[in-house]
Amino acid sequence: MPRGNGTGPIGGGLGGKGGAGGGRMGGNRPGAGAGGYCVCPSCGTRIPHKRGIPCYQETCPKCGTKMVRK
């Protein structure tokens, strides 16, 4: 409580993020959790995310483009 008045830091929630959500670290950042999909930004193909392998290291089975996390 920075001001000593019991209000605490602005933003609230864990880590002051105000509830970012979307996995243990939130969103599509590295380490976003085991679930989810890797999506091709070119053709839209979705494949299940494999634990321990970042989506940007996966290639699309249809067109060969690097995948992104969704």
N, C-alpha and C. Protein backbone atom coordinates (compact mmCIF):
# COMPACT_ATOMS: atom_id res chain seq x y z
N MET A 1 0.83 -1.17 0.00
CA MET A 1 0.00 0.00 0.00
C MET A 1 0.88 1.24 0.00
N PRO A 2 1.04 1.81 -1.15
CA PRO A 2 2.02 2.87 -1.28
C PRO A 2 1.70 4.13 -0.49
N ARG A 3 0.44 4.48 -0.33
CA ARG A 3 0.10 5.72 0.35
C ARG A 3 -0.27 5.51 1.81
N GLY A 4 -0.33 4.27 2.25
CA GLY A 4 -0.68 3.97 3.63
C GLY A 4 -2.13 4.20 3.96
N ASN A 5 -2.97 4.40 2.94
CA ASN A 5 -4.39 4.64 3.19
C ASN A 5 -5.26 3.43 2.90
N GLY A 6 -4.65 2.28 2.58
CA GLY A 6 -5.41 1.06 2.36
C GLY A 6 -5.92 0.89 0.95
N THR A 7 -5.58 1.78 0.02
CA THR A 7 -6.10 1.67 -1.34
C THR A 7 -5.29 0.69 -2.18
N GLY A 8 -4.01 0.55 -1.93
CA GLY A 8 -3.18 -0.36 -2.70
C GLY A 8 -2.82 0.21 -4.05
N PRO A 9 -2.11 -0.57 -4.87
CA PRO A 9 -1.68 -0.08 -6.18
C PRO A 9 -2.84 0.03 -7.16
N ILE A 10 -2.70 0.91 -8.12
CA ILE A 10 -3.72 1.09 -9.15
C ILE A 10 -3.68 -0.10 -10.10
N GLY A 11 -4.84 -0.59 -10.54
CA GLY A 11 -4.91 -1.69 -11.49
C GLY A 11 -5.47 -2.94 -10.87
N GLY A 12 -5.10 -3.23 -9.64
CA GLY A 12 -5.62 -4.40 -8.93
C GLY A 12 -5.28 -5.70 -9.63
N GLY A 13 -5.82 -6.78 -9.12
CA GLY A 13 -5.59 -8.10 -9.69
C GLY A 13 -4.18 -8.58 -9.42
N LEU A 14 -3.85 -9.74 -9.93
CA LEU A 14 -2.53 -10.31 -9.73
C LEU A 14 -1.51 -9.55 -10.56
N GLY A 15 -0.47 -9.12 -9.93
CA GLY A 15 0.59 -8.42 -10.63
C GLY A 15 0.19 -7.04 -11.13
N GLY A 16 -0.95 -6.53 -10.71
CA GLY A 16 -1.40 -5.22 -11.13
C GLY A 16 -1.86 -5.16 -12.57
N LYS A 17 -2.14 -6.31 -13.17
CA LYS A 17 -2.54 -6.34 -14.57
C LYS A 17 -4.03 -6.07 -14.77
N GLY A 18 -4.80 -6.19 -13.72
CA GLY A 18 -6.23 -5.97 -13.87
C GLY A 18 -6.94 -7.11 -14.57
N GLY A 19 -6.40 -8.31 -14.50
CA GLY A 19 -7.07 -9.48 -15.09
C GLY A 19 -6.84 -9.62 -16.58
N ALA A 20 -5.62 -9.85 -17.00
CA ALA A 20 -5.30 -9.96 -18.41
C ALA A 20 -5.96 -11.16 -19.06
N GLY A 21 -6.02 -12.31 -18.35
CA GLY A 21 -6.69 -13.50 -18.85
C GLY A 21 -5.95 -14.18 -19.99
N GLY A 22 -6.51 -15.30 -20.50
CA GLY A 22 -5.95 -16.00 -21.64
C GLY A 22 -4.77 -16.88 -21.31
N GLY A 23 -4.86 -17.73 -20.32
CA GLY A 23 -3.75 -18.60 -19.96
C GLY A 23 -3.03 -18.09 -18.75
N ARG A 24 -1.97 -18.79 -18.36
CA ARG A 24 -1.32 -18.41 -17.11
C ARG A 24 -0.59 -17.08 -17.23
N MET A 25 -0.16 -16.69 -18.41
CA MET A 25 0.54 -15.41 -18.57
C MET A 25 -0.24 -14.44 -19.45
N GLY A 26 -1.32 -14.88 -20.01
CA GLY A 26 -2.16 -13.99 -20.79
C GLY A 26 -1.85 -13.98 -22.28
N GLY A 27 -2.90 -13.95 -23.08
CA GLY A 27 -2.81 -13.73 -24.51
C GLY A 27 -1.95 -14.70 -25.28
N ASN A 28 -1.30 -14.17 -26.30
CA ASN A 28 -0.50 -15.02 -27.19
C ASN A 28 0.99 -14.83 -26.97
N ARG A 29 1.38 -14.39 -25.81
CA ARG A 29 2.80 -14.22 -25.48
C ARG A 29 3.46 -15.58 -25.30
N PRO A 30 4.79 -15.63 -25.44
CA PRO A 30 5.49 -16.89 -25.17
C PRO A 30 5.18 -17.40 -23.77
N GLY A 31 4.94 -18.68 -23.63
CA GLY A 31 4.60 -19.25 -22.33
C GLY A 31 3.15 -19.05 -21.98
N ALA A 32 2.26 -18.91 -22.98
CA ALA A 32 0.86 -18.64 -22.73
C ALA A 32 0.10 -19.87 -22.24
N GLY A 33 0.75 -21.00 -22.08
CA GLY A 33 0.10 -22.20 -21.57
C GLY A 33 0.12 -23.32 -22.58
N ALA A 34 -0.35 -24.48 -22.16
CA ALA A 34 -0.26 -25.67 -23.00
C ALA A 34 -1.39 -25.76 -24.03
N GLY A 35 -2.54 -25.21 -23.74
CA GLY A 35 -3.69 -25.32 -24.64
C GLY A 35 -3.61 -24.37 -25.81
N GLY A 36 -4.65 -24.34 -26.60
CA GLY A 36 -4.74 -23.40 -27.70
C GLY A 36 -4.33 -23.98 -29.03
N TYR A 37 -4.23 -23.11 -30.01
CA TYR A 37 -3.95 -23.52 -31.37
C TYR A 37 -2.85 -22.66 -31.97
N CYS A 38 -2.19 -23.23 -32.96
CA CYS A 38 -1.30 -22.49 -33.84
C CYS A 38 -2.09 -22.25 -35.11
N VAL A 39 -2.09 -21.00 -35.59
CA VAL A 39 -2.89 -20.63 -36.74
C VAL A 39 -1.99 -20.05 -37.82
N CYS A 40 -2.28 -20.41 -39.07
CA CYS A 40 -1.52 -19.88 -40.20
C CYS A 40 -2.07 -18.50 -40.55
N PRO A 41 -1.22 -17.46 -40.56
CA PRO A 41 -1.71 -16.13 -40.90
C PRO A 41 -2.07 -15.98 -42.38
N SER A 42 -1.60 -16.89 -43.24
CA SER A 42 -1.88 -16.80 -44.67
C SER A 42 -3.18 -17.47 -45.06
N CYS A 43 -3.35 -18.74 -44.67
CA CYS A 43 -4.52 -19.49 -45.13
C CYS A 43 -5.53 -19.80 -44.02
N GLY A 44 -5.16 -19.56 -42.76
CA GLY A 44 -6.11 -19.76 -41.65
C GLY A 44 -6.17 -21.17 -41.10
N THR A 45 -5.30 -22.06 -41.55
CA THR A 45 -5.27 -23.44 -41.03
C THR A 45 -4.92 -23.43 -39.56
N ARG A 46 -5.67 -24.23 -38.75
CA ARG A 46 -5.41 -24.34 -37.31
C ARG A 46 -4.91 -25.73 -36.99
N ILE A 47 -3.84 -25.79 -36.17
CA ILE A 47 -3.36 -27.07 -35.64
C ILE A 47 -3.25 -26.93 -34.13
N PRO A 48 -3.46 -28.00 -33.38
CA PRO A 48 -3.32 -27.91 -31.92
C PRO A 48 -1.89 -27.53 -31.53
N HIS A 49 -1.77 -26.67 -30.53
CA HIS A 49 -0.46 -26.28 -30.03
C HIS A 49 0.21 -27.46 -29.35
N LYS A 50 1.49 -27.68 -29.65
CA LYS A 50 2.26 -28.76 -29.02
C LYS A 50 3.08 -28.18 -27.88
N ARG A 51 2.95 -28.77 -26.72
CA ARG A 51 3.67 -28.29 -25.55
C ARG A 51 5.17 -28.32 -25.78
N GLY A 52 5.84 -27.23 -25.45
CA GLY A 52 7.29 -27.14 -25.58
C GLY A 52 7.78 -26.69 -26.94
N ILE A 53 6.88 -26.54 -27.92
CA ILE A 53 7.27 -26.10 -29.26
C ILE A 53 6.52 -24.80 -29.57
N PRO A 54 7.23 -23.67 -29.67
CA PRO A 54 6.56 -22.42 -30.00
C PRO A 54 5.91 -22.48 -31.38
N CYS A 55 4.76 -21.84 -31.51
CA CYS A 55 4.05 -21.86 -32.79
C CYS A 55 4.88 -21.27 -33.93
N TYR A 56 5.72 -20.27 -33.63
CA TYR A 56 6.52 -19.66 -34.69
C TYR A 56 7.56 -20.61 -35.26
N GLN A 57 7.78 -21.76 -34.59
CA GLN A 57 8.69 -22.77 -35.13
C GLN A 57 7.94 -23.80 -35.97
N GLU A 58 6.63 -23.81 -35.89
CA GLU A 58 5.81 -24.74 -36.69
C GLU A 58 5.56 -24.13 -38.07
N THR A 59 5.46 -24.97 -39.09
CA THR A 59 5.09 -24.50 -40.43
C THR A 59 3.72 -25.05 -40.78
N CYS A 60 2.98 -24.29 -41.56
CA CYS A 60 1.63 -24.69 -41.97
C CYS A 60 1.71 -25.94 -42.86
N PRO A 61 0.89 -26.96 -42.57
CA PRO A 61 0.92 -28.18 -43.39
C PRO A 61 0.39 -27.95 -44.81
N LYS A 62 -0.37 -26.88 -45.03
CA LYS A 62 -0.94 -26.61 -46.36
C LYS A 62 -0.05 -25.73 -47.22
N CYS A 63 0.44 -24.60 -46.64
CA CYS A 63 1.16 -23.63 -47.47
C CYS A 63 2.61 -23.39 -47.05
N GLY A 64 3.04 -23.90 -45.89
CA GLY A 64 4.43 -23.78 -45.48
C GLY A 64 4.79 -22.49 -44.75
N THR A 65 3.80 -21.62 -44.49
CA THR A 65 4.05 -20.37 -43.76
C THR A 65 4.24 -20.66 -42.28
N LYS A 66 5.05 -19.85 -41.60
CA LYS A 66 5.23 -20.00 -40.15
C LYS A 66 3.91 -19.69 -39.45
N MET A 67 3.60 -20.48 -38.40
CA MET A 67 2.34 -20.34 -37.68
C MET A 67 2.47 -19.27 -36.58
N VAL A 68 1.33 -18.80 -36.08
CA VAL A 68 1.27 -17.87 -34.95
C VAL A 68 0.33 -18.45 -33.89
N ARG A 69 0.50 -18.01 -32.66
CA ARG A 69 -0.32 -18.52 -31.54
C ARG A 69 -1.64 -17.78 -31.45
N LYS A 70 -2.72 -18.52 -31.26
CA LYS A 70 -4.05 -17.93 -31.05
C LYS A 70 -4.73 -18.63 -29.91
